[in-house]
Amino acid sequence: MNRSVSITRKKLLSYYKKEETEAGCDEAGRGCLAGPVFAASVILPKFYTHPWLNDSKQISEKMRYVLRSEIEQKALAWSVALIDNEEIDKINILQASYKAIHKAVSNLKIKPTLLLIDGNRFKSYAGIPHVCFVKGDGRFLSIAAASILAKTYRDDYMKEVHQQFPVYNWAKNKGYPTIEHRIAILKAGISPLHRKSFQLI
């Protein structure tokens, strides 16, 4: 007997409060052993929708880049920022993540009136209230859009620096703590881009 299987994709919300100018915010690379942490902030049209826009971890790499182009074309404003590994070591990864989001918000060409933050806590941005959402990148389109921009721009960065330090294979692991990455650190030592405050081996 042939059975048809229907796949229902969860529909993300276009906004949290209709009367606000909302900027979705997310970061990428907090758990990496090397490289910067990236953050993005995105303001989408109020009733924007897209059938495939979702948390960057839920979609393929190819689709992330297709959606990045879509986001950059359709967003009312978007921005990507980074905090490098040296500053991460000075202020810790949590504070660096907050700072990266603050930088991304500051660079928006439109000032939002509300920030939608992926996660359970955030350091307030002066003059703009925020709301935190656990797994918000799977709930709101603007946060999902920010997750895709942060992820793809960070991936591009790690692919680029891979050319300088190919022994760690960052083109593949993007600096995350894979077994391959840790073995390379054991054999070759650390690079100038590694986070010394992290447990590298």
N, C-alpha and C. Protein backbone atom coordinates (compact mmCIF):
# COMPACT_ATOMS: atom_id res chain seq x y z
N MET A 1 0.85 -1.19 0.00
CA MET A 1 0.00 0.00 0.00
C MET A 1 0.88 1.24 0.00
N ASN A 2 0.62 2.14 -0.93
CA ASN A 2 1.38 3.38 -0.99
C ASN A 2 0.74 4.41 -0.08
N ARG A 3 1.55 5.04 0.72
CA ARG A 3 1.04 6.08 1.61
C ARG A 3 1.73 7.40 1.29
N SER A 4 0.97 8.42 1.16
CA SER A 4 1.55 9.74 0.93
C SER A 4 1.89 10.35 2.28
N VAL A 5 3.05 10.97 2.35
CA VAL A 5 3.51 11.59 3.58
C VAL A 5 3.60 13.09 3.37
N SER A 6 2.89 13.82 4.17
CA SER A 6 2.95 15.28 4.07
C SER A 6 3.87 15.82 5.14
N ILE A 7 4.71 16.76 4.76
CA ILE A 7 5.65 17.38 5.69
C ILE A 7 5.15 18.77 6.01
N THR A 8 4.90 19.02 7.26
CA THR A 8 4.42 20.33 7.68
C THR A 8 5.59 21.15 8.22
N ARG A 9 5.86 22.24 7.59
CA ARG A 9 6.94 23.12 8.04
C ARG A 9 6.35 24.19 8.96
N LYS A 10 6.96 24.33 10.12
CA LYS A 10 6.48 25.31 11.09
C LYS A 10 6.59 26.71 10.49
N LYS A 11 5.50 27.47 10.61
CA LYS A 11 5.50 28.82 10.07
C LYS A 11 6.02 29.79 11.12
N LEU A 12 7.05 30.52 10.77
CA LEU A 12 7.62 31.49 11.69
C LEU A 12 6.80 32.77 11.67
N LEU A 13 6.86 33.50 12.76
CA LEU A 13 6.07 34.72 12.92
C LEU A 13 6.76 35.91 12.26
N SER A 14 5.97 36.79 11.66
CA SER A 14 6.51 37.97 11.00
C SER A 14 6.87 39.07 11.98
N TYR A 15 6.24 39.07 13.14
CA TYR A 15 6.54 40.09 14.14
C TYR A 15 6.07 39.63 15.51
N TYR A 16 6.55 40.35 16.54
CA TYR A 16 6.14 40.10 17.92
C TYR A 16 5.09 41.14 18.34
N LYS A 17 5.39 42.41 18.04
CA LYS A 17 4.43 43.49 18.30
C LYS A 17 4.28 44.31 17.02
N LYS A 18 3.10 44.34 16.51
CA LYS A 18 2.85 44.95 15.20
C LYS A 18 3.22 46.43 15.15
N GLU A 19 3.07 47.12 16.28
CA GLU A 19 3.29 48.57 16.28
C GLU A 19 4.76 48.95 16.39
N GLU A 20 5.65 47.98 16.61
CA GLU A 20 7.07 48.27 16.79
C GLU A 20 7.87 48.07 15.51
N THR A 21 9.01 48.76 15.43
CA THR A 21 10.00 48.49 14.38
C THR A 21 11.00 47.52 14.99
N GLU A 22 10.83 46.25 14.66
CA GLU A 22 11.58 45.19 15.32
C GLU A 22 12.82 44.78 14.54
N ALA A 23 13.91 44.60 15.26
CA ALA A 23 15.14 44.07 14.67
C ALA A 23 15.43 42.72 15.31
N GLY A 24 15.47 41.68 14.50
CA GLY A 24 15.87 40.37 14.99
C GLY A 24 17.38 40.31 15.10
N CYS A 25 17.89 39.71 16.18
CA CYS A 25 19.33 39.67 16.43
C CYS A 25 19.78 38.26 16.80
N ASP A 26 20.91 37.84 16.25
CA ASP A 26 21.47 36.54 16.57
C ASP A 26 22.96 36.56 16.32
N GLU A 27 23.64 35.56 16.88
CA GLU A 27 25.09 35.47 16.70
C GLU A 27 25.47 34.10 16.18
N ALA A 28 26.72 33.97 15.75
CA ALA A 28 27.25 32.70 15.27
C ALA A 28 28.70 32.57 15.70
N GLY A 29 29.07 31.39 16.15
CA GLY A 29 30.47 31.12 16.48
C GLY A 29 30.83 31.20 17.94
N ARG A 30 29.84 31.20 18.83
CA ARG A 30 30.16 31.28 20.26
C ARG A 30 30.96 30.06 20.73
N GLY A 31 30.65 28.89 20.20
CA GLY A 31 31.29 27.68 20.67
C GLY A 31 32.56 27.30 19.94
N CYS A 32 33.03 28.15 19.06
CA CYS A 32 34.22 27.83 18.26
C CYS A 32 35.51 27.99 19.06
N LEU A 33 36.54 27.29 18.62
CA LEU A 33 37.85 27.39 19.25
C LEU A 33 38.70 28.49 18.61
N ALA A 34 38.31 28.93 17.43
CA ALA A 34 39.11 29.92 16.71
C ALA A 34 38.20 30.87 15.95
N GLY A 35 38.76 32.05 15.67
CA GLY A 35 38.03 33.03 14.88
C GLY A 35 37.12 33.92 15.70
N PRO A 36 36.52 34.91 15.05
CA PRO A 36 35.65 35.86 15.72
C PRO A 36 34.27 35.26 16.01
N VAL A 37 33.52 35.93 16.85
CA VAL A 37 32.09 35.70 16.95
C VAL A 37 31.42 36.76 16.07
N PHE A 38 30.47 36.33 15.26
CA PHE A 38 29.74 37.23 14.37
C PHE A 38 28.33 37.43 14.90
N ALA A 39 27.76 38.59 14.63
CA ALA A 39 26.36 38.84 14.97
C ALA A 39 25.71 39.60 13.84
N ALA A 40 24.40 39.44 13.73
CA ALA A 40 23.64 40.17 12.71
C ALA A 40 22.36 40.71 13.32
N SER A 41 21.88 41.78 12.73
CA SER A 41 20.61 42.38 13.12
C SER A 41 19.84 42.69 11.84
N VAL A 42 18.57 42.32 11.81
CA VAL A 42 17.78 42.44 10.58
C VAL A 42 16.40 43.02 10.89
N ILE A 43 16.01 44.02 10.12
CA ILE A 43 14.65 44.55 10.17
C ILE A 43 13.95 44.16 8.87
N LEU A 44 12.93 43.34 8.97
CA LEU A 44 12.16 42.89 7.81
C LEU A 44 10.88 43.71 7.68
N PRO A 45 10.32 43.79 6.48
CA PRO A 45 9.00 44.41 6.33
C PRO A 45 8.00 43.73 7.27
N LYS A 46 7.05 44.49 7.78
CA LYS A 46 6.17 44.00 8.84
C LYS A 46 5.45 42.69 8.50
N PHE A 47 4.98 42.57 7.28
CA PHE A 47 4.22 41.37 6.93
C PHE A 47 4.99 40.47 5.98
N TYR A 48 6.33 40.57 6.02
CA TYR A 48 7.18 39.73 5.18
C TYR A 48 6.99 38.27 5.55
N THR A 49 7.04 37.41 4.55
CA THR A 49 7.01 35.97 4.80
C THR A 49 7.84 35.26 3.74
N HIS A 50 8.30 34.07 4.07
CA HIS A 50 9.06 33.26 3.13
C HIS A 50 8.94 31.81 3.58
N PRO A 51 8.62 30.90 2.67
CA PRO A 51 8.34 29.51 3.08
C PRO A 51 9.54 28.75 3.62
N TRP A 52 10.77 29.17 3.29
CA TRP A 52 11.95 28.39 3.68
C TRP A 52 12.81 29.09 4.72
N LEU A 53 12.50 30.32 5.04
CA LEU A 53 13.31 31.04 6.02
C LEU A 53 13.12 30.43 7.40
N ASN A 54 14.24 30.00 8.00
CA ASN A 54 14.18 29.31 9.27
C ASN A 54 15.54 29.44 9.96
N ASP A 55 15.62 28.93 11.17
CA ASP A 55 16.87 28.83 11.91
C ASP A 55 17.95 28.28 10.98
N SER A 56 19.11 28.95 10.95
CA SER A 56 20.19 28.56 10.03
C SER A 56 20.63 27.11 10.22
N LYS A 57 20.47 26.59 11.44
CA LYS A 57 20.90 25.21 11.71
C LYS A 57 19.93 24.18 11.12
N GLN A 58 18.75 24.63 10.72
CA GLN A 58 17.73 23.71 10.21
C GLN A 58 17.71 23.60 8.69
N ILE A 59 18.56 24.36 8.01
CA ILE A 59 18.55 24.36 6.55
C ILE A 59 19.95 24.09 6.00
N SER A 60 20.03 23.68 4.77
CA SER A 60 21.31 23.31 4.16
C SER A 60 22.18 24.54 3.93
N GLU A 61 23.47 24.29 3.76
CA GLU A 61 24.40 25.38 3.48
C GLU A 61 24.02 26.10 2.18
N LYS A 62 23.67 25.35 1.16
CA LYS A 62 23.28 25.96 -0.11
C LYS A 62 22.07 26.86 0.07
N MET A 63 21.06 26.40 0.82
CA MET A 63 19.86 27.19 1.03
C MET A 63 20.16 28.44 1.87
N ARG A 64 21.10 28.34 2.80
CA ARG A 64 21.46 29.52 3.60
C ARG A 64 21.94 30.66 2.72
N TYR A 65 22.74 30.32 1.69
CA TYR A 65 23.26 31.37 0.82
C TYR A 65 22.19 31.92 -0.12
N VAL A 66 21.27 31.07 -0.53
CA VAL A 66 20.12 31.55 -1.32
C VAL A 66 19.30 32.52 -0.48
N LEU A 67 19.06 32.16 0.77
CA LEU A 67 18.27 33.01 1.66
C LEU A 67 19.02 34.28 2.04
N ARG A 68 20.34 34.21 2.14
CA ARG A 68 21.10 35.43 2.44
C ARG A 68 20.86 36.49 1.38
N SER A 69 20.90 36.09 0.13
CA SER A 69 20.64 37.03 -0.95
C SER A 69 19.24 37.60 -0.85
N GLU A 70 18.27 36.74 -0.56
CA GLU A 70 16.88 37.18 -0.39
C GLU A 70 16.75 38.18 0.75
N ILE A 71 17.37 37.88 1.88
CA ILE A 71 17.30 38.76 3.05
C ILE A 71 17.91 40.12 2.75
N GLU A 72 19.07 40.11 2.14
CA GLU A 72 19.75 41.38 1.86
C GLU A 72 18.97 42.24 0.87
N GLN A 73 18.23 41.61 -0.02
CA GLN A 73 17.42 42.36 -0.98
C GLN A 73 16.11 42.86 -0.37
N LYS A 74 15.48 42.06 0.47
CA LYS A 74 14.14 42.37 0.95
C LYS A 74 14.10 43.08 2.31
N ALA A 75 15.15 42.97 3.10
CA ALA A 75 15.15 43.60 4.42
C ALA A 75 15.10 45.12 4.30
N LEU A 76 14.43 45.75 5.24
CA LEU A 76 14.43 47.21 5.31
C LEU A 76 15.80 47.71 5.76
N ALA A 77 16.45 46.92 6.61
CA ALA A 77 17.81 47.23 7.06
C ALA A 77 18.44 45.95 7.60
N TRP A 78 19.74 45.82 7.40
CA TRP A 78 20.47 44.68 7.95
C TRP A 78 21.92 45.06 8.20
N SER A 79 22.53 44.37 9.14
CA SER A 79 23.92 44.66 9.48
C SER A 79 24.58 43.43 10.07
N VAL A 80 25.87 43.28 9.80
CA VAL A 80 26.66 42.18 10.35
C VAL A 80 27.90 42.78 11.01
N ALA A 81 28.26 42.27 12.19
CA ALA A 81 29.43 42.77 12.91
C ALA A 81 30.17 41.60 13.53
N LEU A 82 31.41 41.84 13.94
CA LEU A 82 32.21 40.78 14.55
C LEU A 82 33.03 41.32 15.70
N ILE A 83 33.38 40.42 16.61
CA ILE A 83 34.35 40.68 17.67
C ILE A 83 35.43 39.61 17.54
N ASP A 84 36.69 40.03 17.43
CA ASP A 84 37.75 39.07 17.13
C ASP A 84 38.16 38.25 18.35
N ASN A 85 38.99 37.25 18.09
CA ASN A 85 39.37 36.30 19.15
C ASN A 85 40.17 36.95 20.27
N GLU A 86 40.96 37.98 19.96
CA GLU A 86 41.74 38.64 21.00
C GLU A 86 40.83 39.35 22.00
N GLU A 87 39.80 39.99 21.48
CA GLU A 87 38.86 40.67 22.38
C GLU A 87 38.00 39.66 23.14
N ILE A 88 37.66 38.55 22.47
CA ILE A 88 36.94 37.47 23.17
C ILE A 88 37.74 37.01 24.38
N ASP A 89 39.05 36.85 24.22
CA ASP A 89 39.89 36.42 25.34
C ASP A 89 39.93 37.46 26.46
N LYS A 90 39.79 38.73 26.11
CA LYS A 90 39.86 39.80 27.12
C LYS A 90 38.56 39.93 27.91
N ILE A 91 37.41 39.83 27.22
CA ILE A 91 36.14 40.16 27.88
C ILE A 91 35.22 38.96 28.08
N ASN A 92 35.57 37.81 27.56
CA ASN A 92 34.86 36.52 27.57
C ASN A 92 33.83 36.45 26.45
N ILE A 93 33.48 35.24 26.08
CA ILE A 93 32.67 35.02 24.88
C ILE A 93 31.24 35.56 25.03
N LEU A 94 30.68 35.49 26.24
CA LEU A 94 29.33 35.99 26.42
C LEU A 94 29.27 37.50 26.20
N GLN A 95 30.20 38.22 26.84
CA GLN A 95 30.22 39.67 26.67
C GLN A 95 30.57 40.05 25.23
N ALA A 96 31.43 39.25 24.59
CA ALA A 96 31.78 39.51 23.20
C ALA A 96 30.57 39.33 22.28
N SER A 97 29.74 38.34 22.59
CA SER A 97 28.53 38.10 21.81
C SER A 97 27.58 39.29 21.93
N TYR A 98 27.40 39.77 23.16
CA TYR A 98 26.56 40.95 23.37
C TYR A 98 27.12 42.15 22.60
N LYS A 99 28.44 42.33 22.68
CA LYS A 99 29.06 43.48 22.02
C LYS A 99 28.91 43.41 20.51
N ALA A 100 29.01 42.20 19.96
CA ALA A 100 28.84 42.03 18.51
C ALA A 100 27.42 42.40 18.10
N ILE A 101 26.43 41.98 18.88
CA ILE A 101 25.05 42.34 18.57
C ILE A 101 24.86 43.85 18.68
N HIS A 102 25.42 44.46 19.72
CA HIS A 102 25.33 45.92 19.87
C HIS A 102 25.91 46.62 18.64
N LYS A 103 27.05 46.15 18.16
CA LYS A 103 27.67 46.76 16.98
C LYS A 103 26.76 46.61 15.77
N ALA A 104 26.17 45.43 15.61
CA ALA A 104 25.29 45.21 14.47
C ALA A 104 24.08 46.14 14.53
N VAL A 105 23.50 46.29 15.71
CA VAL A 105 22.35 47.19 15.87
C VAL A 105 22.75 48.63 15.58
N SER A 106 23.91 49.04 16.07
CA SER A 106 24.38 50.41 15.86
C SER A 106 24.56 50.74 14.38
N ASN A 107 24.89 49.73 13.57
CA ASN A 107 25.16 49.94 12.15
C ASN A 107 23.92 49.89 11.27
N LEU A 108 22.76 49.60 11.85
CA LEU A 108 21.53 49.57 11.05
C LEU A 108 21.21 50.97 10.53
N LYS A 109 20.74 51.06 9.30
CA LYS A 109 20.41 52.36 8.74
C LYS A 109 19.06 52.88 9.24
N ILE A 110 18.27 51.99 9.84
CA ILE A 110 17.00 52.36 10.48
C ILE A 110 17.11 52.00 11.95
N LYS A 111 16.73 52.93 12.84
CA LYS A 111 16.80 52.64 14.27
C LYS A 111 15.57 51.85 14.70
N PRO A 112 15.75 50.65 15.21
CA PRO A 112 14.60 49.86 15.67
C PRO A 112 14.05 50.40 16.99
N THR A 113 12.81 50.05 17.29
CA THR A 113 12.21 50.42 18.57
C THR A 113 12.13 49.23 19.51
N LEU A 114 12.44 48.03 19.01
CA LEU A 114 12.44 46.83 19.83
C LEU A 114 13.40 45.81 19.24
N LEU A 115 14.19 45.17 20.09
CA LEU A 115 15.12 44.13 19.66
C LEU A 115 14.58 42.77 20.06
N LEU A 116 14.54 41.85 19.11
CA LEU A 116 14.17 40.47 19.38
C LEU A 116 15.46 39.66 19.43
N ILE A 117 15.78 39.12 20.59
CA ILE A 117 17.07 38.48 20.83
C ILE A 117 16.91 36.97 20.91
N ASP A 118 17.75 36.25 20.19
CA ASP A 118 17.77 34.79 20.31
C ASP A 118 18.54 34.42 21.57
N GLY A 119 17.91 33.70 22.47
CA GLY A 119 18.58 33.28 23.69
C GLY A 119 17.77 33.65 24.92
N ASN A 120 18.37 33.41 26.09
CA ASN A 120 17.63 33.64 27.33
C ASN A 120 18.09 34.86 28.11
N ARG A 121 19.12 35.55 27.61
CA ARG A 121 19.57 36.76 28.30
C ARG A 121 20.33 37.66 27.34
N PHE A 122 20.44 38.92 27.74
CA PHE A 122 21.08 39.91 26.86
C PHE A 122 21.46 41.12 27.69
N LYS A 123 22.52 41.79 27.28
CA LYS A 123 22.93 43.05 27.89
C LYS A 123 22.22 44.19 27.17
N SER A 124 21.42 44.95 27.89
CA SER A 124 20.57 45.97 27.28
C SER A 124 21.36 46.93 26.39
N TYR A 125 20.75 47.25 25.28
CA TYR A 125 21.29 48.25 24.36
C TYR A 125 20.64 49.58 24.73
N ALA A 126 21.43 50.61 24.93
CA ALA A 126 20.93 51.89 25.42
C ALA A 126 19.83 52.45 24.52
N GLY A 127 18.68 52.73 25.11
CA GLY A 127 17.61 53.41 24.40
C GLY A 127 16.68 52.52 23.60
N ILE A 128 16.98 51.22 23.54
CA ILE A 128 16.10 50.31 22.79
C ILE A 128 15.77 49.10 23.68
N PRO A 129 14.51 48.90 24.00
CA PRO A 129 14.14 47.72 24.80
C PRO A 129 14.33 46.44 24.00
N HIS A 130 14.41 45.33 24.72
CA HIS A 130 14.59 44.04 24.05
C HIS A 130 13.74 42.97 24.72
N VAL A 131 13.49 41.92 23.97
CA VAL A 131 12.82 40.73 24.48
C VAL A 131 13.64 39.53 24.05
N CYS A 132 13.91 38.61 25.00
CA CYS A 132 14.68 37.41 24.69
C CYS A 132 13.75 36.23 24.43
N PHE A 133 14.11 35.42 23.46
CA PHE A 133 13.33 34.23 23.12
C PHE A 133 14.26 33.03 22.99
N VAL A 134 14.07 32.03 23.83
CA VAL A 134 14.83 30.79 23.69
C VAL A 134 14.42 30.13 22.37
N LYS A 135 15.41 29.78 21.58
CA LYS A 135 15.18 29.24 20.23
C LYS A 135 14.34 30.20 19.39
N GLY A 136 14.62 31.47 19.56
CA GLY A 136 13.89 32.50 18.82
C GLY A 136 14.11 32.44 17.33
N ASP A 137 15.26 31.85 16.90
CA ASP A 137 15.53 31.74 15.46
C ASP A 137 14.60 30.73 14.81
N GLY A 138 13.89 29.95 15.62
CA GLY A 138 12.88 29.04 15.09
C GLY A 138 11.47 29.55 15.33
N ARG A 139 11.35 30.81 15.79
CA ARG A 139 10.03 31.38 16.09
C ARG A 139 9.72 32.63 15.28
N PHE A 140 10.74 33.47 15.06
CA PHE A 140 10.52 34.75 14.38
C PHE A 140 11.39 34.85 13.13
N LEU A 141 10.80 35.33 12.06
CA LEU A 141 11.51 35.44 10.79
C LEU A 141 12.71 36.36 10.88
N SER A 142 12.59 37.47 11.62
CA SER A 142 13.70 38.42 11.69
C SER A 142 14.91 37.82 12.42
N ILE A 143 14.65 37.02 13.46
CA ILE A 143 15.77 36.37 14.16
C ILE A 143 16.37 35.29 13.27
N ALA A 144 15.53 34.54 12.58
CA ALA A 144 16.03 33.52 11.64
C ALA A 144 16.90 34.17 10.57
N ALA A 145 16.46 35.32 10.07
CA ALA A 145 17.24 36.04 9.06
C ALA A 145 18.59 36.45 9.62
N ALA A 146 18.60 36.94 10.86
CA ALA A 146 19.85 37.33 11.49
C ALA A 146 20.76 36.12 11.68
N SER A 147 20.19 34.98 12.02
CA SER A 147 21.00 33.77 12.22
C SER A 147 21.67 33.35 10.91
N ILE A 148 20.95 33.52 9.81
CA ILE A 148 21.51 33.14 8.51
C ILE A 148 22.64 34.08 8.09
N LEU A 149 22.44 35.38 8.29
CA LEU A 149 23.50 36.33 7.93
C LEU A 149 24.73 36.11 8.80
N ALA A 150 24.54 35.97 10.11
CA ALA A 150 25.69 35.77 10.99
C ALA A 150 26.44 34.49 10.63
N LYS A 151 25.70 33.43 10.38
CA LYS A 151 26.31 32.14 10.05
C LYS A 151 27.06 32.18 8.73
N THR A 152 26.46 32.69 7.69
CA THR A 152 27.10 32.67 6.37
C THR A 152 28.30 33.61 6.30
N TYR A 153 28.20 34.78 6.93
CA TYR A 153 29.35 35.69 6.90
C TYR A 153 30.50 35.13 7.73
N ARG A 154 30.18 34.46 8.83
CA ARG A 154 31.26 33.85 9.59
C ARG A 154 31.89 32.68 8.83
N ASP A 155 31.05 31.87 8.19
CA ASP A 155 31.58 30.77 7.39
C ASP A 155 32.51 31.28 6.29
N ASP A 156 32.10 32.36 5.64
CA ASP A 156 32.95 32.95 4.60
C ASP A 156 34.30 33.38 5.16
N TYR A 157 34.26 33.98 6.34
CA TYR A 157 35.50 34.43 6.99
C TYR A 157 36.41 33.24 7.27
N MET A 158 35.84 32.16 7.83
CA MET A 158 36.66 31.01 8.18
C MET A 158 37.21 30.30 6.94
N LYS A 159 36.46 30.30 5.86
CA LYS A 159 36.96 29.73 4.60
C LYS A 159 38.15 30.55 4.08
N GLU A 160 38.06 31.86 4.28
CA GLU A 160 39.13 32.74 3.80
C GLU A 160 40.41 32.53 4.62
N VAL A 161 40.30 32.50 5.94
CA VAL A 161 41.50 32.34 6.76
C VAL A 161 42.04 30.91 6.72
N HIS A 162 41.22 29.98 6.26
CA HIS A 162 41.69 28.61 6.03
C HIS A 162 42.89 28.61 5.09
N GLN A 163 42.91 29.53 4.14
CA GLN A 163 44.01 29.58 3.18
C GLN A 163 45.34 29.88 3.87
N GLN A 164 45.28 30.62 4.98
CA GLN A 164 46.50 30.95 5.72
C GLN A 164 46.90 29.82 6.68
N PHE A 165 45.92 29.09 7.18
CA PHE A 165 46.17 28.05 8.17
C PHE A 165 45.45 26.75 7.79
N PRO A 166 45.82 26.15 6.68
CA PRO A 166 45.08 24.98 6.18
C PRO A 166 45.16 23.75 7.09
N VAL A 167 46.16 23.70 7.97
CA VAL A 167 46.34 22.52 8.82
C VAL A 167 45.12 22.25 9.69
N TYR A 168 44.35 23.30 10.03
CA TYR A 168 43.19 23.12 10.93
C TYR A 168 41.90 22.78 10.18
N ASN A 169 41.95 22.88 8.85
CA ASN A 169 40.79 22.58 7.99
C ASN A 169 39.54 23.39 8.37
N TRP A 170 39.74 24.68 8.58
CA TRP A 170 38.62 25.56 8.92
C TRP A 170 37.59 25.68 7.80
N ALA A 171 38.00 25.39 6.57
CA ALA A 171 37.04 25.43 5.46
C ALA A 171 35.92 24.42 5.70
N LYS A 172 36.25 23.36 6.44
CA LYS A 172 35.25 22.34 6.74
C LYS A 172 34.63 22.52 8.12
N ASN A 173 35.48 22.65 9.15
CA ASN A 173 34.93 22.68 10.52
C ASN A 173 34.59 24.08 11.02
N LYS A 174 34.99 25.11 10.27
CA LYS A 174 34.66 26.51 10.60
C LYS A 174 35.15 26.95 11.98
N GLY A 175 36.11 26.22 12.53
CA GLY A 175 36.65 26.59 13.83
C GLY A 175 35.98 25.91 15.00
N TYR A 176 34.97 25.09 14.73
CA TYR A 176 34.28 24.40 15.83
C TYR A 176 35.17 23.28 16.39
N PRO A 177 34.90 22.83 17.61
CA PRO A 177 35.78 21.86 18.29
C PRO A 177 35.57 20.42 17.84
N THR A 178 35.83 20.15 16.58
CA THR A 178 35.77 18.78 16.09
C THR A 178 37.02 18.02 16.55
N ILE A 179 36.96 16.72 16.49
CA ILE A 179 38.14 15.90 16.85
C ILE A 179 39.30 16.25 15.93
N GLU A 180 39.00 16.39 14.65
CA GLU A 180 40.03 16.74 13.66
C GLU A 180 40.72 18.05 14.04
N HIS A 181 39.93 19.04 14.44
CA HIS A 181 40.48 20.35 14.80
C HIS A 181 41.38 20.23 16.04
N ARG A 182 40.92 19.50 17.04
CA ARG A 182 41.71 19.36 18.27
C ARG A 182 43.01 18.60 18.01
N ILE A 183 42.97 17.58 17.17
CA ILE A 183 44.19 16.83 16.83
C ILE A 183 45.18 17.74 16.11
N ALA A 184 44.67 18.60 15.22
CA ALA A 184 45.54 19.53 14.49
C ALA A 184 46.22 20.50 15.46
N ILE A 185 45.48 20.92 16.50
CA ILE A 185 46.07 21.81 17.50
C ILE A 185 47.17 21.08 18.27
N LEU A 186 46.92 19.83 18.61
CA LEU A 186 47.94 19.03 19.31
C LEU A 186 49.21 18.90 18.48
N LYS A 187 49.06 18.71 17.19
CA LYS A 187 50.20 18.48 16.31
C LYS A 187 50.91 19.77 15.91
N ALA A 188 50.12 20.81 15.60
CA ALA A 188 50.71 22.03 15.03
C ALA A 188 50.77 23.20 16.01
N GLY A 189 50.12 23.04 17.18
CA GLY A 189 50.06 24.17 18.10
C GLY A 189 48.92 25.11 17.70
N ILE A 190 48.84 26.24 18.38
CA ILE A 190 47.74 27.16 18.10
C ILE A 190 48.16 28.24 17.11
N SER A 191 47.18 28.83 16.48
CA SER A 191 47.40 29.91 15.52
C SER A 191 47.09 31.25 16.20
N PRO A 192 47.40 32.36 15.54
CA PRO A 192 47.03 33.67 16.10
C PRO A 192 45.52 33.88 16.19
N LEU A 193 44.74 33.03 15.55
CA LEU A 193 43.28 33.19 15.56
C LEU A 193 42.59 32.31 16.60
N HIS A 194 43.33 31.49 17.30
CA HIS A 194 42.71 30.64 18.31
C HIS A 194 42.39 31.45 19.57
N ARG A 195 41.33 31.03 20.25
CA ARG A 195 40.88 31.67 21.48
C ARG A 195 41.62 31.03 22.66
N LYS A 196 42.56 31.73 23.21
CA LYS A 196 43.42 31.16 24.25
C LYS A 196 42.66 30.92 25.55
N SER A 197 41.54 31.60 25.73
CA SER A 197 40.76 31.42 26.96
C SER A 197 39.87 30.19 26.90
N PHE A 198 39.84 29.51 25.74
CA PHE A 198 39.04 28.31 25.58
C PHE A 198 39.88 27.07 25.85
N GLN A 199 39.21 25.97 26.17
CA GLN A 199 39.91 24.69 26.34
C GLN A 199 40.14 24.11 24.94
N LEU A 200 41.34 24.28 24.44
CA LEU A 200 41.62 23.97 23.04
C LEU A 200 41.93 22.49 22.81
N ILE A 201 42.45 21.82 23.82
CA ILE A 201 42.77 20.39 23.64
C ILE A 201 42.23 19.59 24.81
